[in-house]
C-alpha atoms as a PDB file:
ATOM      1  CA  MET A   1      93.763 118.002 101.853  1.00  0.00           C
ATOM      2  CA  LYS A   2      91.521 120.910 101.035  1.00  0.00           C
ATOM      3  CA  GLY A   3      88.902 121.399  98.302  1.00  0.00           C
ATOM      4  CA  ASP A   4      85.767 119.786  97.330  1.00  0.00           C
ATOM      5  CA  ILE A   5      85.371 116.465  95.554  1.00  0.00           C
ATOM      6  CA  LEU A   6      84.050 117.057  92.053  1.00  0.00           C
ATOM      7  CA  GLU A   7      81.641 114.250  91.201  1.00  0.00           C
ATOM      8  CA  ASP A   8      82.176 114.926  87.498  1.00  0.00           C
ATOM      9  CA  PHE A   9      86.071 114.872  87.785  1.00  0.00           C
ATOM     10  CA  LEU A  10      86.083 111.677  85.870  1.00  0.00           C
ATOM     11  CA  LYS A  11      83.469 110.658  83.393  1.00  0.00           C
ATOM     12  CA  SER A  12      82.925 107.371  81.678  1.00  0.00           C
ATOM     13  CA  ASN A  13      82.178 107.356  77.881  1.00  0.00           C
ATOM     14  CA  GLU A  14      82.812 105.116  74.857  1.00  0.00           C
ATOM     15  CA  ASN A  15      86.624 106.097  74.910  1.00  0.00           C
ATOM     16  CA  GLY A  16      87.144 105.221  78.534  1.00  0.00           C
ATOM     17  CA  LEU A  17      87.456 107.494  81.648  1.00  0.00           C
ATOM     18  CA  TYR A  18      87.733 111.145  80.748  1.00  0.00           C
ATOM     19  CA  CYS A  19      89.066 113.965  82.994  1.00  0.00           C
ATOM     20  CA  THR A  20      87.350 117.189  81.880  1.00  0.00           C
ATOM     21  CA  TYR A  21      89.601 119.493  84.074  1.00  0.00           C
ATOM     22  CA  GLY A  22      92.723 118.114  82.499  1.00  0.00           C
ATOM     23  CA  ASP A  23      91.510 117.140  79.111  1.00  0.00           C
ATOM     24  CA  PHE A  24      92.910 113.633  79.233  1.00  0.00           C
ATOM     25  CA  TYR A  25      91.749 109.954  79.398  1.00  0.00           C
ATOM     26  CA  LEU A  26      92.961 107.271  81.735  1.00  0.00           C
ATOM     27  CA  ASP A  27      93.681 104.068  79.899  1.00  0.00           C
ATOM     28  CA  ALA A  28      91.708 104.982  76.839  1.00  0.00           C
ATOM     29  CA  SER A  29      90.062 102.161  74.961  1.00  0.00           C
ATOM     30  CA  ARG A  30      90.015 104.066  71.639  1.00  0.00           C
ATOM     31  CA  PRO A  31      92.339 106.643  69.970  1.00  0.00           C
ATOM     32  CA  VAL A  32      92.274 109.970  71.829  1.00  0.00           C
ATOM     33  CA  LYS A  33      94.202 113.218  71.949  1.00  0.00           C
ATOM     34  CA  ASN A  34      95.661 112.896  75.394  1.00  0.00           C
ATOM     35  CA  VAL A  35      95.994 109.645  77.407  1.00  0.00           C
ATOM     36  CA  ILE A  36      97.613 108.701  80.717  1.00  0.00           C
ATOM     37  CA  VAL A  37      98.471 105.032  80.667  1.00  0.00           C
ATOM     38  CA  SER A  38      98.731 103.100  83.946  1.00  0.00           C
ATOM     39  CA  HIS A  39     100.401  99.947  82.333  1.00  0.00           C
ATOM     40  CA  ALA A  40     100.805  98.100  79.114  1.00  0.00           C
ATOM     41  CA  HIS A  41      98.209  95.273  79.181  1.00  0.00           C
ATOM     42  CA  GLY A  42      96.055  95.122  76.170  1.00  0.00           C
ATOM     43  CA  ASP A  43      92.858  96.263  78.071  1.00  0.00           C
ATOM     44  CA  HIS A  44      94.501  99.395  79.207  1.00  0.00           C
ATOM     45  CA  ILE A  45      96.093 100.610  75.977  1.00  0.00           C
ATOM     46  CA  SER A  46      94.792 101.880  72.668  1.00  0.00           C
ATOM     47  CA  PRO A  47      96.668 102.339  69.428  1.00  0.00           C
ATOM     48  CA  GLY A  48      96.672 105.640  67.679  1.00  0.00           C
ATOM     49  CA  CYS A  49      96.587 108.142  70.603  1.00  0.00           C
ATOM     50  CA  SER A  50      98.274 111.490  69.994  1.00  0.00           C
ATOM     51  CA  ASN A  51      99.890 112.243  73.226  1.00  0.00           C
ATOM     52  CA  VAL A  52     100.763 109.358  75.562  1.00  0.00           C
ATOM     53  CA  PHE A  53     101.896 109.901  79.167  1.00  0.00           C
ATOM     54  CA  CYS A  54     103.360 106.928  81.028  1.00  0.00           C
ATOM     55  CA  THR A  55     106.523 105.478  82.586  1.00  0.00           C
ATOM     56  CA  ALA A  56     109.482 104.535  80.425  1.00  0.00           C
ATOM     57  CA  PRO A  57     108.976 100.641  80.650  1.00  0.00           C
ATOM     58  CA  THR A  58     105.256 101.066  79.739  1.00  0.00           C
ATOM     59  CA  ARG A  59     106.414 103.069  76.683  1.00  0.00           C
ATOM     60  CA  SER A  60     108.823 100.202  75.670  1.00  0.00           C
ATOM     61  CA  LEU A  61     106.115  97.506  76.126  1.00  0.00           C
ATOM     62  CA  MET A  62     103.525  99.594  74.256  1.00  0.00           C
ATOM     63  CA  GLU A  63     105.994 100.061  71.345  1.00  0.00           C
ATOM     64  CA  TYR A  64     106.570  96.379  71.223  1.00  0.00           C
ATOM     65  CA  ARG A  65     102.874  95.539  71.292  1.00  0.00           C
ATOM     66  CA  LEU A  66     101.522  98.286  69.070  1.00  0.00           C
ATOM     67  CA  GLY A  67     104.535  99.061  66.811  1.00  0.00           C
ATOM     68  CA  LYS A  68     104.177 102.326  64.817  1.00  0.00           C
ATOM     69  CA  ASN A  69     100.695 102.750  66.163  1.00  0.00           C
ATOM     70  CA  ALA A  70     101.814 102.908  69.846  1.00  0.00           C
ATOM     71  CA  GLY A  71     101.377 106.756  69.984  1.00  0.00           C
ATOM     72  CA  ASN A  72     102.362 109.834  68.057  1.00  0.00           C
ATOM     73  CA  HIS A  73     104.196 111.532  70.974  1.00  0.00           C
ATOM     74  CA  PHE A  74     105.309 109.946  74.190  1.00  0.00           C
ATOM     75  CA  PHE A  75     106.016 111.789  77.382  1.00  0.00           C
ATOM     76  CA  THR A  76     107.670 109.431  79.930  1.00  0.00           C
ATOM     77  CA  TYR A  77     108.110 110.121  83.643  1.00  0.00           C
ATOM     78  CA  SER A  78     109.670 108.301  86.500  1.00  0.00           C
ATOM     79  CA  TYR A  79     107.787 107.609  89.643  1.00  0.00           C
ATOM     80  CA  ASP A  80     107.250 110.568  92.041  1.00  0.00           C
ATOM     81  CA  ASN A  81     108.129 113.045  89.231  1.00  0.00           C
ATOM     82  CA  ALA A  82     105.024 115.269  88.930  1.00  0.00           C
ATOM     83  CA  LEU A  83     103.856 116.665  85.580  1.00  0.00           C
ATOM     84  CA  TRP A  84     100.952 118.830  84.510  1.00  0.00           C
ATOM     85  CA  VAL A  85      98.373 117.632  82.147  1.00  0.00           C
ATOM     86  CA  GLY A  86      95.944 120.630  81.514  1.00  0.00           C
ATOM     87  CA  ASN A  87      95.102 122.009  84.823  1.00  0.00           C
ATOM     88  CA  VAL A  88      95.658 118.705  86.736  1.00  0.00           C
ATOM     89  CA  LYS A  89      98.952 117.860  88.540  1.00  0.00           C
ATOM     90  CA  VAL A  90      99.750 114.257  87.858  1.00  0.00           C
ATOM     91  CA  THR A  91     102.254 111.862  89.705  1.00  0.00           C
ATOM     92  CA  PHE A  92     102.952 108.334  88.878  1.00  0.00           C
ATOM     93  CA  LEU A  93     103.396 105.895  91.825  1.00  0.00           C
ATOM     94  CA  PRO A  94     104.438 102.151  91.611  1.00  0.00           C
ATOM     95  CA  ALA A  95     101.369  99.958  91.375  1.00  0.00           C
ATOM     96  CA  GLY A  96     103.098  96.567  91.845  1.00  0.00           C
ATOM     97  CA  HIS A  97     101.199  95.027  88.954  1.00  0.00           C
ATOM     98  CA  ILE A  98     103.762  94.528  86.175  1.00  0.00           C
ATOM     99  CA  LEU A  99     107.012  96.279  85.118  1.00  0.00           C
ATOM    100  CA  GLY A 100     106.314 100.041  84.739  1.00  0.00           C
ATOM    101  CA  SER A 101     102.752  99.906  86.133  1.00  0.00           C
ATOM    102  CA  ALA A 102     101.648 103.014  87.908  1.00  0.00           C
ATOM    103  CA  LEU A 103      99.048 104.368  90.158  1.00  0.00           C
ATOM    104  CA  ILE A 104      98.063 107.898  88.812  1.00  0.00           C
ATOM    105  CA  LEU A 105      97.665 110.561  91.531  1.00  0.00           C
ATOM    106  CA  MET A 106      95.720 113.512  90.309  1.00  0.00           C
ATOM    107  CA  GLU A 107      95.555 116.862  92.144  1.00  0.00           C
ATOM    108  CA  TYR A 108      93.190 119.628  91.307  1.00  0.00           C
ATOM    109  CA  GLU A 109      92.194 122.615  93.336  1.00  0.00           C
ATOM    110  CA  GLY A 110      93.465 121.069  96.571  1.00  0.00           C
ATOM    111  CA  THR A 111      91.631 117.692  96.012  1.00  0.00           C
ATOM    112  CA  ARG A 112      93.500 114.493  95.417  1.00  0.00           C
ATOM    113  CA  TYR A 113      92.203 111.616  93.246  1.00  0.00           C
ATOM    114  CA  LEU A 114      94.122 108.396  93.223  1.00  0.00           C
ATOM    115  CA  TYR A 115      93.619 106.052  90.221  1.00  0.00           C
ATOM    116  CA  THR A 116      94.922 102.549  90.731  1.00  0.00           C
ATOM    117  CA  GLY A 117      94.721 100.901  87.267  1.00  0.00           C
ATOM    118  CA  ASP A 118      95.617  97.314  88.058  1.00  0.00           C
ATOM    119  CA  TYR A 119      97.616  96.759  91.225  1.00  0.00           C
ATOM    120  CA  LYS A 120      98.740  94.229  93.778  1.00  0.00           C
ATOM    121  CA  VAL A 121     100.101  94.045  97.311  1.00  0.00           C
ATOM    122  CA  GLN A 122     101.942  90.687  97.101  1.00  0.00           C
ATOM    123  CA  ALA A 123     105.819  91.026  96.745  1.00  0.00           C
ATOM    124  CA  ASP A 124     106.965  90.613  93.243  1.00  0.00           C
ATOM    125  CA  ALA A 125     110.736  90.689  92.224  1.00  0.00           C
ATOM    126  CA  THR A 126     109.864  91.568  88.678  1.00  0.00           C
ATOM    127  CA  CYS A 127     108.318  95.051  89.283  1.00  0.00           C
ATOM    128  CA  GLU A 128     108.440  97.945  91.584  1.00  0.00           C
ATOM    129  CA  PRO A 129     106.436  97.423  94.919  1.00  0.00           C
ATOM    130  CA  LEU A 130     103.155  99.167  95.426  1.00  0.00           C
ATOM    131  CA  THR A 131     103.406 102.715  96.922  1.00  0.00           C
ATOM    132  CA  LEU A 132     100.249 104.304  98.401  1.00  0.00           C
ATOM    133  CA  LEU A 133      99.628 107.985  99.492  1.00  0.00           C
ATOM    134  CA  PRO A 134      96.498 109.516 101.119  1.00  0.00           C
ATOM    135  CA  ALA A 135      93.837 110.765  98.736  1.00  0.00           C
ATOM    136  CA  ASP A 136      90.330 112.193  98.996  1.00  0.00           C
ATOM    137  CA  VAL A 137      89.059 109.801  96.304  1.00  0.00           C
ATOM    138  CA  LEU A 138      90.321 106.327  95.626  1.00  0.00           C
ATOM    139  CA  ILE A 139      89.429 105.085  92.132  1.00  0.00           C
ATOM    140  CA  THR A 140      90.107 101.227  92.498  1.00  0.00           C
ATOM    141  CA  GLU A 141      89.762  98.262  90.361  1.00  0.00           C
ATOM    142  CA  SER A 142      87.264  95.730  92.131  1.00  0.00           C
ATOM    143  CA  THR A 143      87.960  92.681  90.072  1.00  0.00           C
ATOM    144  CA  PHE A 144      88.254  90.296  93.112  1.00  0.00           C
ATOM    145  CA  ALA A 145      86.410  92.771  95.614  1.00  0.00           C
ATOM    146  CA  ASN A 146      84.481  89.876  97.293  1.00  0.00           C
ATOM    147  CA  PRO A 147      84.995  88.860 100.895  1.00  0.00           C
ATOM    148  CA  LYS A 148      85.007  85.182  99.759  1.00  0.00           C
ATOM    149  CA  ILE A 149      88.198  85.795  97.838  1.00  0.00           C
ATOM    150  CA  LYS A 150      91.646  85.734  99.359  1.00  0.00           C
ATOM    151  CA  HIS A 151      94.672  85.131  97.219  1.00  0.00           C
ATOM    152  CA  PRO A 152      97.081  82.566  98.661  1.00  0.00           C
ATOM    153  CA  ASP A 153     100.711  83.122  99.194  1.00  0.00           C
ATOM    154  CA  ASP A 154     102.572  82.895  95.805  1.00  0.00           C
ATOM    155  CA  ILE A 155     105.472  80.999  97.264  1.00  0.00           C
ATOM    156  CA  THR A 156     103.169  78.288  98.631  1.00  0.00           C
ATOM    157  CA  GLU A 157     101.581  78.009  95.301  1.00  0.00           C
ATOM    158  CA  ILE A 158     104.712  77.808  93.143  1.00  0.00           C
ATOM    159  CA  LEU A 159     106.131  75.110  95.379  1.00  0.00           C
ATOM    160  CA  LYS A 160     103.252  72.802  94.217  1.00  0.00           C
ATOM    161  CA  LEU A 161     105.221  72.544  90.880  1.00  0.00           C
ATOM    162  CA  ASN A 162     107.912  70.629  92.826  1.00  0.00           C
ATOM    163  CA  THR A 163     105.490  67.846  93.333  1.00  0.00           C
ATOM    164  CA  ILE A 164     105.291  67.165  89.597  1.00  0.00           C
ATOM    165  CA  SER A 165     108.242  65.609  87.590  1.00  0.00           C
ATOM    166  CA  ASP A 166     106.343  65.234  84.353  1.00  0.00           C
ATOM    167  CA  THR A 167     106.410  68.064  81.761  1.00  0.00           C
ATOM    168  CA  ILE A 168     104.039  70.887  82.820  1.00  0.00           C
ATOM    169  CA  MET A 169     102.287  73.080  80.354  1.00  0.00           C
ATOM    170  CA  LEU A 170     101.856  76.235  82.360  1.00  0.00           C
ATOM    171  CA  GLY A 171      99.264  78.681  81.009  1.00  0.00           C
ATOM    172  CA  CYS A 172      99.758  82.396  81.840  1.00  0.00           C
ATOM    173  CA  TYR A 173      99.533  85.810  80.515  1.00  0.00           C
ATOM    174  CA  SER A 174     102.491  86.768  78.324  1.00  0.00           C
ATOM    175  CA  LEU A 175     103.165  90.020  79.940  1.00  0.00           C
ATOM    176  CA  GLY A 176     103.749  90.319  83.654  1.00  0.00           C
ATOM    177  CA  LYS A 177     102.614  86.859  84.783  1.00  0.00           C
ATOM    178  CA  ALA A 178     105.161  84.918  82.547  1.00  0.00           C
ATOM    179  CA  GLN A 179     108.072  87.029  83.855  1.00  0.00           C
ATOM    180  CA  ARG A 180     106.882  86.719  87.584  1.00  0.00           C
ATOM    181  CA  LEU A 181     106.490  82.878  87.152  1.00  0.00           C
ATOM    182  CA  THR A 182     110.017  82.705  85.622  1.00  0.00           C
ATOM    183  CA  ALA A 183     111.526  84.448  88.573  1.00  0.00           C
ATOM    184  CA  LEU A 184     109.495  82.294  91.071  1.00  0.00           C
ATOM    185  CA  ILE A 185     110.389  79.086  89.354  1.00  0.00           C
ATOM    186  CA  ASN A 186     114.064  79.960  89.155  1.00  0.00           C
ATOM    187  CA  LYS A 187     114.199  80.693  92.893  1.00  0.00           C
ATOM    188  CA  TYR A 188     111.719  77.989  94.312  1.00  0.00           C
ATOM    189  CA  CYS A 189     111.955  75.193  91.789  1.00  0.00           C
ATOM    190  CA  PRO A 190     115.645  75.361  90.704  1.00  0.00           C
ATOM    191  CA  GLN A 191     115.662  71.961  89.327  1.00  0.00           C
ATOM    192  CA  LYS A 192     112.950  72.923  86.685  1.00  0.00           C
ATOM    193  CA  ILE A 193     113.883  73.987  83.247  1.00  0.00           C
ATOM    194  CA  VAL A 194     111.678  76.949  82.079  1.00  0.00           C
ATOM    195  CA  LEU A 195     110.702  76.835  78.360  1.00  0.00           C
ATOM    196  CA  LEU A 196     108.994  79.856  76.887  1.00  0.00           C
ATOM    197  CA  HIS A 197     106.569  80.062  74.029  1.00  0.00           C
ATOM    198  CA  HIS A 198     107.833  82.211  71.156  1.00  0.00           C
ATOM    199  CA  SER A 199     105.424  84.988  71.745  1.00  0.00           C
ATOM    200  CA  ILE A 200     106.509  85.246  75.422  1.00  0.00           C
ATOM    201  CA  VAL A 201     110.177  85.635  74.654  1.00  0.00           C
ATOM    202  CA  PRO A 202     110.179  89.331  73.451  1.00  0.00           C
ATOM    203  CA  TYR A 203     108.493  90.331  76.780  1.00  0.00           C
ATOM    204  CA  HIS A 204     111.269  88.753  78.692  1.00  0.00           C
ATOM    205  CA  LYS A 205     113.718  90.724  76.487  1.00  0.00           C
ATOM    206  CA  VAL A 206     112.069  94.039  77.318  1.00  0.00           C
ATOM    207  CA  TYR A 207     112.256  93.124  81.023  1.00  0.00           C
ATOM    208  CA  GLU A 208     115.942  92.328  80.654  1.00  0.00           C
ATOM    209  CA  SER A 209     116.575  95.754  79.072  1.00  0.00           C
ATOM    210  CA  TYR A 210     115.401  97.172  82.311  1.00  0.00           C
ATOM    211  CA  GLY A 211     117.940  95.184  84.449  1.00  0.00           C
ATOM    212  CA  PHE A 212     116.196  91.811  84.954  1.00  0.00           C
ATOM    213  CA  LYS A 213     119.119  89.716  83.585  1.00  0.00           C
ATOM    214  CA  ASP A 214     119.488  86.805  86.070  1.00  0.00           C
ATOM    215  CA  TRP A 215     116.687  84.547  84.797  1.00  0.00           C
ATOM    216  CA  ASN A 216     117.261  80.984  83.520  1.00  0.00           C
ATOM    217  CA  TYR A 217     114.986  79.983  80.609  1.00  0.00           C
ATOM    218  CA  LEU A 218     115.084  78.657  77.094  1.00  0.00           C
ATOM    219  CA  PRO A 219     112.941  79.187  73.975  1.00  0.00           C
ATOM    220  CA  TYR A 220     110.569  76.259  73.479  1.00  0.00           C
ATOM    221  CA  SER A 221     112.126  73.237  71.916  1.00  0.00           C
ATOM    222  CA  ARG A 222     109.923  70.539  70.476  1.00  0.00           C
ATOM    223  CA  LYS A 223     112.915  68.093  70.453  1.00  0.00           C
ATOM    224  CA  MET A 224     113.501  68.636  74.132  1.00  0.00           C
ATOM    225  CA  VAL A 225     109.783  68.118  74.988  1.00  0.00           C
ATOM    226  CA  LYS A 226     109.550  65.095  72.681  1.00  0.00           C
ATOM    227  CA  ASN A 227     112.523  63.456  74.371  1.00  0.00           C
ATOM    228  CA  ASN A 228     110.354  63.606  77.441  1.00  0.00           C
ATOM    229  CA  GLN A 229     112.865  65.087  79.761  1.00  0.00           C
ATOM    230  CA  GLN A 230     111.627  65.470  83.282  1.00  0.00           C
ATOM    231  CA  ASN A 231     111.244  68.752  85.156  1.00  0.00           C
ATOM    232  CA  LEU A 232     110.266  70.798  82.197  1.00  0.00           C
ATOM    233  CA  ILE A 233     107.800  73.692  82.551  1.00  0.00           C
ATOM    234  CA  TYR A 234     106.598  75.191  79.261  1.00  0.00           C
ATOM    235  CA  LEU A 235     105.091  78.621  79.673  1.00  0.00           C
ATOM    236  CA  VAL A 236     102.408  79.263  77.100  1.00  0.00           C
ATOM    237  CA  PRO A 237      99.904  82.025  76.569  1.00  0.00           C
ATOM    238  CA  PRO A 238      96.133  81.507  77.156  1.00  0.00           C
ATOM    239  CA  LEU A 239      95.237  80.810  73.351  1.00  0.00           C
ATOM    240  CA  THR A 240      97.837  78.195  73.148  1.00  0.00           C
ATOM    241  CA  PHE A 241      96.925  76.659  76.472  1.00  0.00           C
ATOM    242  CA  ASN A 242      93.227  76.420  75.284  1.00  0.00           C
ATOM    243  CA  SER A 243      94.353  74.845  72.013  1.00  0.00           C
ATOM    244  CA  TYR A 244      95.941  71.951  73.519  1.00  0.00           C
ATOM    245  CA  VAL A 245      93.051  70.696  75.764  1.00  0.00           C
ATOM    246  CA  ARG A 246      93.951  67.100  75.006  1.00  0.00           C
ATOM    247  CA  ALA A 247      97.724  67.400  75.029  1.00  0.00           C
ATOM    248  CA  LYS A 248      99.267  64.072  76.077  1.00  0.00           C
ATOM    249  CA  ASN A 249     102.201  63.450  78.344  1.00  0.00           C
ATOM    250  CA  VAL A 250     101.972  66.825  79.995  1.00  0.00           C
ATOM    251  CA  VAL A 251     100.277  68.043  83.231  1.00  0.00           C
ATOM    252  CA  ARG A 252      98.126  71.116  82.462  1.00  0.00           C
ATOM    253  CA  VAL A 253      98.301  74.018  84.878  1.00  0.00           C
ATOM    254  CA  PHE A 254      97.129  77.583  84.679  1.00  0.00           C
ATOM    255  CA  ALA A 255      98.384  80.432  86.963  1.00  0.00           C
ATOM    256  CA  SER A 256      95.473  82.774  87.825  1.00  0.00           C
ATOM    257  CA  GLY A 257      93.319  84.133  90.568  1.00  0.00           C
ATOM    258  CA  TRP A 258      90.122  82.960  88.702  1.00  0.00           C
ATOM    259  CA  GLU A 259      88.747  79.788  89.989  1.00  0.00           C
ATOM    260  CA  LYS A 260      87.020  79.070  86.719  1.00  0.00           C
ATOM    261  CA  LEU A 261      90.554  78.925  84.932  1.00  0.00           C
ATOM    262  CA  GLN A 262      91.546  76.094  87.351  1.00  0.00           C
ATOM    263  CA  ASN A 263      88.995  73.616  86.112  1.00  0.00           C
ATOM    264  CA  ARG A 264      90.022  70.229  84.456  1.00  0.00           C
ATOM    265  CA  ASN A 265      93.803  71.037  85.139  1.00  0.00           C
ATOM    266  CA  GLY A 266      96.233  68.671  86.852  1.00  0.00           C
ATOM    267  CA  ILE A 267      96.593  70.980  89.935  1.00  0.00           C
ATOM    268  CA  GLU A 268      95.279  74.425  91.034  1.00  0.00           C
ATOM    269  CA  LEU A 269      97.785  77.341  90.896  1.00  0.00           C
ATOM    270  CA  PHE A 270      96.222  80.545  92.438  1.00  0.00           C
ATOM    271  CA  ILE A 271      98.775  83.137  91.508  1.00  0.00           C
ATOM    272  CA  SER A 272      97.162  86.536  90.791  1.00  0.00           C
ATOM    273  CA  ASP A 273      98.527  90.024  89.878  1.00  0.00           C
ATOM    274  CA  HIS A 274      95.392  91.726  91.268  1.00  0.00           C
ATOM    275  CA  VAL A 275      94.322  92.752  94.852  1.00  0.00           C
ATOM    276  CA  ASP A 276      91.822  90.585  96.628  1.00  0.00           C
ATOM    277  CA  TRP A 277      89.174  91.734  99.074  1.00  0.00           C
ATOM    278  CA  TYR A 278      91.512  92.003 102.006  1.00  0.00           C
ATOM    279  CA  ASP A 279      94.215  93.834 100.011  1.00  0.00           C
ATOM    280  CA  ILE A 280      91.565  96.424  99.006  1.00  0.00           C
ATOM    281  CA  ILE A 281      90.503  96.897 102.589  1.00  0.00           C
ATOM    282  CA  GLU A 282      94.072  97.470 103.602  1.00  0.00           C
ATOM    283  CA  THR A 283      94.600  99.871 100.689  1.00  0.00           C
ATOM    284  CA  ILE A 284      91.505 101.936 101.838  1.00  0.00           C
ATOM    285  CA  LYS A 285      92.910 102.074 105.384  1.00  0.00           C
ATOM    286  CA  THR A 286      96.191 103.479 104.035  1.00  0.00           C
ATOM    287  CA  VAL A 287      94.747 105.907 101.433  1.00  0.00           C
ATOM    288  CA  MET A 288      91.918 107.056 103.896  1.00  0.00           C
ATOM    289  CA  PRO A 289      89.610 108.317 101.173  1.00  0.00           C
ATOM    290  CA  LYS A 290      86.387 110.203 101.655  1.00  0.00           C
ATOM    291  CA  GLU A 291      84.910 108.415  98.648  1.00  0.00           C
ATOM    292  CA  ILE A 292      85.710 105.289  96.754  1.00  0.00           C
ATOM    293  CA  TRP A 293      84.918 104.917  93.026  1.00  0.00           C
ATOM    294  CA  THR A 294      85.056 101.401  91.620  1.00  0.00           C
ATOM    295  CA  LEU A 295      85.970 100.055  88.243  1.00  0.00           C
ATOM    296  CA  HIS A 296      85.722  96.472  86.931  1.00  0.00           C
ATOM    297  CA  GLY A 297      83.633  94.119  89.098  1.00  0.00           C
ATOM    298  CA  ASP A 298      80.736  95.937  90.563  1.00  0.00           C
ATOM    299  CA  GLY A 299      81.904  97.166  93.871  1.00  0.00           C
ATOM    300  CA  LYS A 300      78.595  95.965  95.485  1.00  0.00           C
ATOM    301  CA  TYR A 301      80.296  94.328  98.364  1.00  0.00           C
ATOM    302  CA  LEU A 302      82.502  97.323  99.200  1.00  0.00           C
ATOM    303  CA  ALA A 303      79.354  99.580  98.948  1.00  0.00           C
ATOM    304  CA  ASP A 304      77.724  97.331 101.598  1.00  0.00           C
ATOM    305  CA  PHE A 305      80.822  97.083 103.760  1.00  0.00           C
ATOM    306  CA  TYR A 306      81.298 100.839 103.919  1.00  0.00           C
ATOM    307  CA  GLU A 307      77.568 101.920 104.030  1.00  0.00           C
ATOM    308  CA  GLY A 308      77.192 104.849 106.326  1.00  0.00           C
ATOM    309  CA  SER A 309      80.911 105.469 106.539  1.00  0.00           C
ATOM    310  CA  ILE A 310      82.383 106.079 103.106  1.00  0.00           C
ATOM    311  CA  LEU A 311      80.567 106.704  99.882  1.00  0.00           C
ATOM    312  CA  VAL A 312      81.083 104.109  97.333  1.00  0.00           C
ATOM    313  CA  LYS A 313      80.040 104.392  93.740  1.00  0.00           C
ATOM    314  CA  HIS A 314      80.700 102.446  90.631  1.00  0.00           C
ATOM    315  CA  LEU A 315      81.948 104.330  87.457  1.00  0.00           C
END
């Protein structure tokens, strides 16, 4: 890996992260001319962009979420298939976060910059596993970059649901988490009947269009729940979950890596789609960067941990 690290390769402004040398944004927060999208979660996409570069599943999910405003022109690429955006060579690598999620490897004048977007190390049958390559600069999310945080094994967590026979209202994000939970429940809690909130069903359908067709679930039925059948798990988005704080005859559970979201629930269910502290450390060992640029969180613990060995700065 030759070449110098350009400290201004990425600049943060009101539209997001901008690459001057390629004239594009990464996961723009506002409409821009050129945007490379890591994945289709709402905090990483913006309606109305002119040229959108992403994977095919990300395009499908964006078109469902944003409709006609998803983007004027889409350019979709498979993993490991390099493209040029301006003067920067770009390659998508699996991020292991949700279906179609991608790390974005950018190469310019012999220097490699690896942008993670959101990513995870844990195995997930509903998306492609994380793939890492060496880079000079690692631009990583630091959402859970705290030595006190270690995500438990997801199988151990999902098995907790087998201890509950009453109807479970399971709060989760509609895209990514709901599909992962469906697959986990089907495999490790086979006696459970998965019911989906109406807003989650279309995301399952997009996944199914990409080959995930062996799930067992039903659209929510008030009659089924009213009859108080046992072993029902009703997957609902956060807004619905929060609207039924006093729901009767159900056990409230929320699947998340955030401890604050476990409060006042029937049981804790720590299932996260992000890397924890130890995952980030292992990622850094694999990528072997000369510098680490952090996003989300504040990167303070990483800066302290690598002081004197690797430069860490927060964008």
